[in-house]
């Protein structure tokens, strides 16, 4: 039975984010999305997690062959060394799962390359262990559009919640009166929100003009 009501929404204090295998080798066969879009979205997601102090795990697979995690993503967490794995399924690596379990957080937010492998495997296994799993579909991608779509359907059938990165941002913020995070959220939207960032910049420009003229 899917969760509904307020408790079904993401809360920063209960969330933990895992970003899986956003490495050069993975991007070479990413065909479900424009790679530049995935780069933008996963960095926006990471910056959003940082605004809300949501613990974030960076992880790679066979780094010496697949390459380091993309630099702009690493730059969000410059002091964090990504956990390098041999396991294809991140959930089978205790270096990752021990951190998640010790956090006590049960809302697991995942994004990965590729959707059909490195996202689906841990999502399905974590669901069996009682986690509420949210899969960020536009910060993940597959080797084909069909592979991505079929993987999302499979995970939804297993109980995962599909969500986009700006929806994560909205659920974590929830109320614009939460001023301690509102300015940080605005900064992320301006940098990574596409047309939403353009609209926000225009709104801020109008507000600045009214303030200057005393209107």
C-alpha atoms as a PDB file:
ATOM      1  CA  UNK A   1       0.000   0.000   0.000  1.00  0.00           C
ATOM      2  CA  UNK A   2       1.652   3.288  -1.057  1.00  0.00           C
ATOM      3  CA  UNK A   3       2.061   5.946   1.579  1.00  0.00           C
ATOM      4  CA  UNK A   4      -0.162   9.001   1.268  1.00  0.00           C
ATOM      5  CA  UNK A   5      -0.706  12.177   3.217  1.00  0.00           C
ATOM      6  CA  UNK A   6       1.889  14.501   4.688  1.00  0.00           C
ATOM      7  CA  UNK A   7       4.073  11.639   5.887  1.00  0.00           C
ATOM      8  CA  UNK A   8       4.573  10.530   2.284  1.00  0.00           C
ATOM      9  CA  UNK A   9       6.466  13.727   1.476  1.00  0.00           C
ATOM     10  CA  UNK A  10      10.203  14.145   1.821  1.00  0.00           C
ATOM     11  CA  UNK A  11      11.609  15.727   4.965  1.00  0.00           C
ATOM     12  CA  UNK A  12      15.245  16.862   5.113  1.00  0.00           C
ATOM     13  CA  UNK A  13      15.736  15.585   8.645  1.00  0.00           C
ATOM     14  CA  UNK A  14      14.713  12.064   7.587  1.00  0.00           C
ATOM     15  CA  UNK A  15      16.442  11.992   4.177  1.00  0.00           C
ATOM     16  CA  UNK A  16      19.777  10.673   2.996  1.00  0.00           C
ATOM     17  CA  UNK A  17      20.994  11.089  -0.590  1.00  0.00           C
ATOM     18  CA  UNK A  18      23.124   8.591  -2.507  1.00  0.00           C
ATOM     19  CA  UNK A  19      24.593   9.612  -5.881  1.00  0.00           C
ATOM     20  CA  UNK A  20      25.852   6.603  -7.792  1.00  0.00           C
ATOM     21  CA  UNK A  21      28.361   6.415 -10.640  1.00  0.00           C
ATOM     22  CA  UNK A  22      28.145   9.828 -12.269  1.00  0.00           C
ATOM     23  CA  UNK A  23      31.480   9.073 -13.976  1.00  0.00           C
ATOM     24  CA  UNK A  24      32.863   9.767 -17.469  1.00  0.00           C
ATOM     25  CA  UNK A  25      32.619   6.130 -18.607  1.00  0.00           C
ATOM     26  CA  UNK A  26      28.932   5.993 -17.684  1.00  0.00           C
ATOM     27  CA  UNK A  27      28.173   9.205 -19.578  1.00  0.00           C
ATOM     28  CA  UNK A  28      29.640   7.803 -22.810  1.00  0.00           C
ATOM     29  CA  UNK A  29      26.687   5.430 -23.227  1.00  0.00           C
ATOM     30  CA  UNK A  30      23.961   7.601 -21.697  1.00  0.00           C
ATOM     31  CA  UNK A  31      21.254   7.810 -24.358  1.00  0.00           C
ATOM     32  CA  UNK A  32      17.976   8.263 -22.497  1.00  0.00           C
ATOM     33  CA  UNK A  33      18.683  11.942 -21.789  1.00  0.00           C
ATOM     34  CA  UNK A  34      20.916  14.730 -22.988  1.00  0.00           C
ATOM     35  CA  UNK A  35      24.034  14.182 -20.832  1.00  0.00           C
ATOM     36  CA  UNK A  36      24.284  17.929 -20.151  1.00  0.00           C
ATOM     37  CA  UNK A  37      20.811  17.785 -18.605  1.00  0.00           C
ATOM     38  CA  UNK A  38      21.804  14.975 -16.245  1.00  0.00           C
ATOM     39  CA  UNK A  39      24.968  16.860 -15.273  1.00  0.00           C
ATOM     40  CA  UNK A  40      22.944  19.986 -14.499  1.00  0.00           C
ATOM     41  CA  UNK A  41      20.284  18.091 -12.581  1.00  0.00           C
ATOM     42  CA  UNK A  42      22.526  15.941 -10.420  1.00  0.00           C
ATOM     43  CA  UNK A  43      24.607  18.972  -9.455  1.00  0.00           C
ATOM     44  CA  UNK A  44      21.425  20.888  -8.638  1.00  0.00           C
ATOM     45  CA  UNK A  45      20.257  17.954  -6.524  1.00  0.00           C
ATOM     46  CA  UNK A  46      23.594  17.773  -4.693  1.00  0.00           C
ATOM     47  CA  UNK A  47      23.596  21.509  -3.988  1.00  0.00           C
ATOM     48  CA  UNK A  48      20.035  21.264  -2.716  1.00  0.00           C
ATOM     49  CA  UNK A  49      21.038  18.503  -0.299  1.00  0.00           C
ATOM     50  CA  UNK A  50      23.866  20.708   0.939  1.00  0.00           C
ATOM     51  CA  UNK A  51      21.457  23.601   1.582  1.00  0.00           C
ATOM     52  CA  UNK A  52      19.317  21.344   3.769  1.00  0.00           C
ATOM     53  CA  UNK A  53      22.227  19.533   5.475  1.00  0.00           C
ATOM     54  CA  UNK A  54      21.000  16.230   4.048  1.00  0.00           C
ATOM     55  CA  UNK A  55      23.817  13.658   4.336  1.00  0.00           C
ATOM     56  CA  UNK A  56      25.076  12.813   0.856  1.00  0.00           C
ATOM     57  CA  UNK A  57      27.091   9.793  -0.218  1.00  0.00           C
ATOM     58  CA  UNK A  58      29.098   9.909  -3.432  1.00  0.00           C
ATOM     59  CA  UNK A  59      30.051   6.543  -4.851  1.00  0.00           C
ATOM     60  CA  UNK A  60      31.821   5.245  -7.958  1.00  0.00           C
ATOM     61  CA  UNK A  61      32.410   1.855  -9.523  1.00  0.00           C
ATOM     62  CA  UNK A  62      35.969   0.780 -10.445  1.00  0.00           C
ATOM     63  CA  UNK A  63      37.183   4.356 -10.495  1.00  0.00           C
ATOM     64  CA  UNK A  64      40.529   3.565 -12.119  1.00  0.00           C
ATOM     65  CA  UNK A  65      38.692   2.406 -15.250  1.00  0.00           C
ATOM     66  CA  UNK A  66      35.462   4.376 -15.169  1.00  0.00           C
ATOM     67  CA  UNK A  67      37.013   7.658 -14.087  1.00  0.00           C
ATOM     68  CA  UNK A  68      36.581   9.977 -11.153  1.00  0.00           C
ATOM     69  CA  UNK A  69      33.156  11.356 -10.376  1.00  0.00           C
ATOM     70  CA  UNK A  70      32.508  14.406 -12.569  1.00  0.00           C
ATOM     71  CA  UNK A  71      34.405  17.419 -11.270  1.00  0.00           C
ATOM     72  CA  UNK A  72      31.483  19.812 -10.848  1.00  0.00           C
ATOM     73  CA  UNK A  73      29.702  17.260  -8.685  1.00  0.00           C
ATOM     74  CA  UNK A  74      32.828  16.588  -6.645  1.00  0.00           C
ATOM     75  CA  UNK A  75      33.209  20.353  -6.214  1.00  0.00           C
ATOM     76  CA  UNK A  76      29.931  20.469  -4.260  1.00  0.00           C
ATOM     77  CA  UNK A  77      31.553  18.246  -1.634  1.00  0.00           C
ATOM     78  CA  UNK A  78      35.267  19.003  -2.096  1.00  0.00           C
ATOM     79  CA  UNK A  79      36.376  17.254   1.102  1.00  0.00           C
ATOM     80  CA  UNK A  80      34.477  14.021   0.476  1.00  0.00           C
ATOM     81  CA  UNK A  81      36.245  11.063  -1.103  1.00  0.00           C
ATOM     82  CA  UNK A  82      33.721   9.050  -3.134  1.00  0.00           C
ATOM     83  CA  UNK A  83      33.344   5.446  -2.025  1.00  0.00           C
ATOM     84  CA  UNK A  84      34.756   3.273  -4.794  1.00  0.00           C
ATOM     85  CA  UNK A  85      33.107  -0.127  -5.292  1.00  0.00           C
ATOM     86  CA  UNK A  86      33.502  -3.327  -7.204  1.00  0.00           C
ATOM     87  CA  UNK A  87      29.877  -4.270  -6.493  1.00  0.00           C
ATOM     88  CA  UNK A  88      27.558  -3.259  -9.308  1.00  0.00           C
ATOM     89  CA  UNK A  89      24.760  -3.148  -6.734  1.00  0.00           C
ATOM     90  CA  UNK A  90      25.639  -0.366  -4.304  1.00  0.00           C
ATOM     91  CA  UNK A  91      23.416  -1.928  -1.629  1.00  0.00           C
ATOM     92  CA  UNK A  92      25.706  -4.942  -1.435  1.00  0.00           C
ATOM     93  CA  UNK A  93      28.662  -2.799  -0.384  1.00  0.00           C
ATOM     94  CA  UNK A  94      28.823  -2.358   3.410  1.00  0.00           C
ATOM     95  CA  UNK A  95      31.026   0.723   3.008  1.00  0.00           C
ATOM     96  CA  UNK A  96      27.886   2.448   1.720  1.00  0.00           C
ATOM     97  CA  UNK A  97      25.121   0.688   3.614  1.00  0.00           C
ATOM     98  CA  UNK A  98      26.822   0.993   7.004  1.00  0.00           C
ATOM     99  CA  UNK A  99      26.749   4.785   6.672  1.00  0.00           C
ATOM    100  CA  UNK A 100      23.074   4.745   5.697  1.00  0.00           C
ATOM    101  CA  UNK A 101      22.056   2.430   8.520  1.00  0.00           C
ATOM    102  CA  UNK A 102      24.016   4.361  11.142  1.00  0.00           C
ATOM    103  CA  UNK A 103      22.325   7.587  10.046  1.00  0.00           C
ATOM    104  CA  UNK A 104      18.949   6.234  11.184  1.00  0.00           C
ATOM    105  CA  UNK A 105      17.304   7.991   8.270  1.00  0.00           C
ATOM    106  CA  UNK A 106      14.626   6.047   6.393  1.00  0.00           C
ATOM    107  CA  UNK A 107      13.923   8.267   3.380  1.00  0.00           C
ATOM    108  CA  UNK A 108      16.471   7.103   0.835  1.00  0.00           C
ATOM    109  CA  UNK A 109      16.904   9.411  -2.165  1.00  0.00           C
ATOM    110  CA  UNK A 110      18.809   7.823  -5.065  1.00  0.00           C
ATOM    111  CA  UNK A 111      20.155   8.921  -8.438  1.00  0.00           C
ATOM    112  CA  UNK A 112      22.442   6.844 -10.622  1.00  0.00           C
ATOM    113  CA  UNK A 113      23.888   5.941 -13.976  1.00  0.00           C
ATOM    114  CA  UNK A 114      22.491   3.672 -15.238  1.00  0.00           C
ATOM    115  CA  UNK A 115      18.844   3.623 -14.224  1.00  0.00           C
ATOM    116  CA  UNK A 116      18.289   0.006 -15.235  1.00  0.00           C
ATOM    117  CA  UNK A 117      21.283  -1.318 -13.303  1.00  0.00           C
ATOM    118  CA  UNK A 118      22.921   0.912 -10.723  1.00  0.00           C
ATOM    119  CA  UNK A 119      19.678   2.609  -9.673  1.00  0.00           C
ATOM    120  CA  UNK A 120      17.291  -0.337  -9.881  1.00  0.00           C
ATOM    121  CA  UNK A 121      19.369  -2.828  -7.898  1.00  0.00           C
ATOM    122  CA  UNK A 122      19.858  -0.805  -4.693  1.00  0.00           C
ATOM    123  CA  UNK A 123      16.361   0.683  -4.872  1.00  0.00           C
ATOM    124  CA  UNK A 124      14.689  -2.718  -5.008  1.00  0.00           C
ATOM    125  CA  UNK A 125      16.881  -4.199  -2.277  1.00  0.00           C
ATOM    126  CA  UNK A 126      16.490  -1.200   0.055  1.00  0.00           C
ATOM    127  CA  UNK A 127      12.703  -1.356  -0.313  1.00  0.00           C
ATOM    128  CA  UNK A 128      12.782  -4.892   1.090  1.00  0.00           C
ATOM    129  CA  UNK A 129      14.615  -3.547   4.146  1.00  0.00           C
ATOM    130  CA  UNK A 130      11.893  -1.035   4.947  1.00  0.00           C
ATOM    131  CA  UNK A 131      13.324   2.138   3.434  1.00  0.00           C
ATOM    132  CA  UNK A 132      11.130   4.688   1.698  1.00  0.00           C
ATOM    133  CA  UNK A 133      12.952   4.910  -1.616  1.00  0.00           C
ATOM    134  CA  UNK A 134      12.714   7.978  -3.848  1.00  0.00           C
ATOM    135  CA  UNK A 135      14.307   7.660  -7.291  1.00  0.00           C
ATOM    136  CA  UNK A 136      15.313  10.951  -8.908  1.00  0.00           C
ATOM    137  CA  UNK A 137      14.533  10.137 -12.509  1.00  0.00           C
ATOM    138  CA  UNK A 138      15.914  13.287 -14.127  1.00  0.00           C
ATOM    139  CA  UNK A 139      19.270  12.998 -12.333  1.00  0.00           C
ATOM    140  CA  UNK A 140      19.561   9.397 -13.561  1.00  0.00           C
ATOM    141  CA  UNK A 141      19.708   7.907 -17.033  1.00  0.00           C
ATOM    142  CA  UNK A 142      19.895   4.694 -19.014  1.00  0.00           C
ATOM    143  CA  UNK A 143      21.618   3.344 -22.077  1.00  0.00           C
ATOM    144  CA  UNK A 144      18.351   3.814 -24.003  1.00  0.00           C
ATOM    145  CA  UNK A 145      15.084   5.602 -23.311  1.00  0.00           C
ATOM    146  CA  UNK A 146      13.363   2.211 -23.153  1.00  0.00           C
ATOM    147  CA  UNK A 147      15.896   0.923 -20.617  1.00  0.00           C
ATOM    148  CA  UNK A 148      15.322   3.991 -18.410  1.00  0.00           C
ATOM    149  CA  UNK A 149      11.543   3.823 -18.685  1.00  0.00           C
ATOM    150  CA  UNK A 150      11.318   0.077 -18.050  1.00  0.00           C
ATOM    151  CA  UNK A 151      13.582   0.422 -15.015  1.00  0.00           C
ATOM    152  CA  UNK A 152      11.436   3.206 -13.572  1.00  0.00           C
ATOM    153  CA  UNK A 153       8.317   1.071 -14.091  1.00  0.00           C
ATOM    154  CA  UNK A 154      10.014  -1.880 -12.407  1.00  0.00           C
ATOM    155  CA  UNK A 155      11.037   0.176  -9.383  1.00  0.00           C
ATOM    156  CA  UNK A 156       7.606   1.786  -9.065  1.00  0.00           C
ATOM    157  CA  UNK A 157       6.018  -1.675  -9.155  1.00  0.00           C
ATOM    158  CA  UNK A 158       8.334  -2.640  -6.298  1.00  0.00           C
ATOM    159  CA  UNK A 159       7.266   0.394  -4.272  1.00  0.00           C
ATOM    160  CA  UNK A 160       9.748   3.155  -5.129  1.00  0.00           C
ATOM    161  CA  UNK A 161       8.565   6.738  -5.585  1.00  0.00           C
ATOM    162  CA  UNK A 162       9.672   8.446  -8.825  1.00  0.00           C
ATOM    163  CA  UNK A 163      10.499  12.114  -8.370  1.00  0.00           C
ATOM    164  CA  UNK A 164      12.422  14.887 -10.146  1.00  0.00           C
ATOM    165  CA  UNK A 165      15.197  16.931  -8.590  1.00  0.00           C
ATOM    166  CA  UNK A 166      13.209  20.165  -8.340  1.00  0.00           C
ATOM    167  CA  UNK A 167      10.349  18.271  -6.706  1.00  0.00           C
ATOM    168  CA  UNK A 168      12.864  17.082  -4.092  1.00  0.00           C
ATOM    169  CA  UNK A 169      13.834  20.717  -3.564  1.00  0.00           C
ATOM    170  CA  UNK A 170      10.196  21.732  -3.169  1.00  0.00           C
ATOM    171  CA  UNK A 171       9.392  18.999  -0.658  1.00  0.00           C
ATOM    172  CA  UNK A 172      12.454  19.700   1.451  1.00  0.00           C
ATOM    173  CA  UNK A 173      11.657  23.441   1.512  1.00  0.00           C
ATOM    174  CA  UNK A 174       7.884  23.012   1.868  1.00  0.00           C
ATOM    175  CA  UNK A 175       7.308  26.550   3.186  1.00  0.00           C
ATOM    176  CA  UNK A 176       8.876  29.769   1.873  1.00  0.00           C
ATOM    177  CA  UNK A 177       8.686  31.155   5.418  1.00  0.00           C
ATOM    178  CA  UNK A 178      11.606  28.839   6.259  1.00  0.00           C
ATOM    179  CA  UNK A 179      14.062  31.638   5.669  1.00  0.00           C
ATOM    180  CA  UNK A 180      17.113  29.697   6.853  1.00  0.00           C
ATOM    181  CA  UNK A 181      17.035  27.660   3.631  1.00  0.00           C
ATOM    182  CA  UNK A 182      14.989  29.853   1.270  1.00  0.00           C
ATOM    183  CA  UNK A 183      17.923  31.926   0.040  1.00  0.00           C
ATOM    184  CA  UNK A 184      20.045  28.826  -0.547  1.00  0.00           C
ATOM    185  CA  UNK A 185      17.214  27.203  -2.473  1.00  0.00           C
ATOM    186  CA  UNK A 186      16.828  30.337  -4.574  1.00  0.00           C
ATOM    187  CA  UNK A 187      20.520  30.217  -5.423  1.00  0.00           C
ATOM    188  CA  UNK A 188      20.249  26.632  -6.614  1.00  0.00           C
ATOM    189  CA  UNK A 189      17.211  27.417  -8.758  1.00  0.00           C
ATOM    190  CA  UNK A 190      18.956  30.420 -10.295  1.00  0.00           C
ATOM    191  CA  UNK A 191      21.973  28.276 -11.241  1.00  0.00           C
ATOM    192  CA  UNK A 192      20.290  25.023 -12.262  1.00  0.00           C
ATOM    193  CA  UNK A 193      16.547  25.616 -12.613  1.00  0.00           C
ATOM    194  CA  UNK A 194      16.451  26.472 -16.313  1.00  0.00           C
ATOM    195  CA  UNK A 195      13.340  28.504 -17.107  1.00  0.00           C
ATOM    196  CA  UNK A 196      12.382  28.467 -13.424  1.00  0.00           C
ATOM    197  CA  UNK A 197      15.691  30.204 -12.730  1.00  0.00           C
ATOM    198  CA  UNK A 198      14.967  32.790 -15.416  1.00  0.00           C
ATOM    199  CA  UNK A 199      11.543  33.481 -13.906  1.00  0.00           C
ATOM    200  CA  UNK A 200      12.998  33.771 -10.404  1.00  0.00           C
ATOM    201  CA  UNK A 201      15.707  36.160 -11.584  1.00  0.00           C
ATOM    202  CA  UNK A 202      13.008  38.345 -13.159  1.00  0.00           C
ATOM    203  CA  UNK A 203      10.947  38.290  -9.953  1.00  0.00           C
ATOM    204  CA  UNK A 204      13.990  39.221  -7.852  1.00  0.00           C
ATOM    205  CA  UNK A 205      14.788  42.049 -10.258  1.00  0.00           C
ATOM    206  CA  UNK A 206      11.243  43.400  -9.916  1.00  0.00           C
ATOM    207  CA  UNK A 207      11.383  43.160  -6.117  1.00  0.00           C
ATOM    208  CA  UNK A 208      14.730  44.960  -6.065  1.00  0.00           C
ATOM    209  CA  UNK A 209      13.307  47.719  -8.233  1.00  0.00           C
ATOM    210  CA  UNK A 210      10.283  48.177  -5.980  1.00  0.00           C
ATOM    211  CA  UNK A 211      12.473  48.267  -2.889  1.00  0.00           C
ATOM    212  CA  UNK A 212      14.733  50.889  -4.463  1.00  0.00           C
ATOM    213  CA  UNK A 213      11.788  53.117  -5.394  1.00  0.00           C
ATOM    214  CA  UNK A 214       9.932  52.514  -2.113  1.00  0.00           C
ATOM    215  CA  UNK A 215       6.916  51.000  -3.836  1.00  0.00           C
END
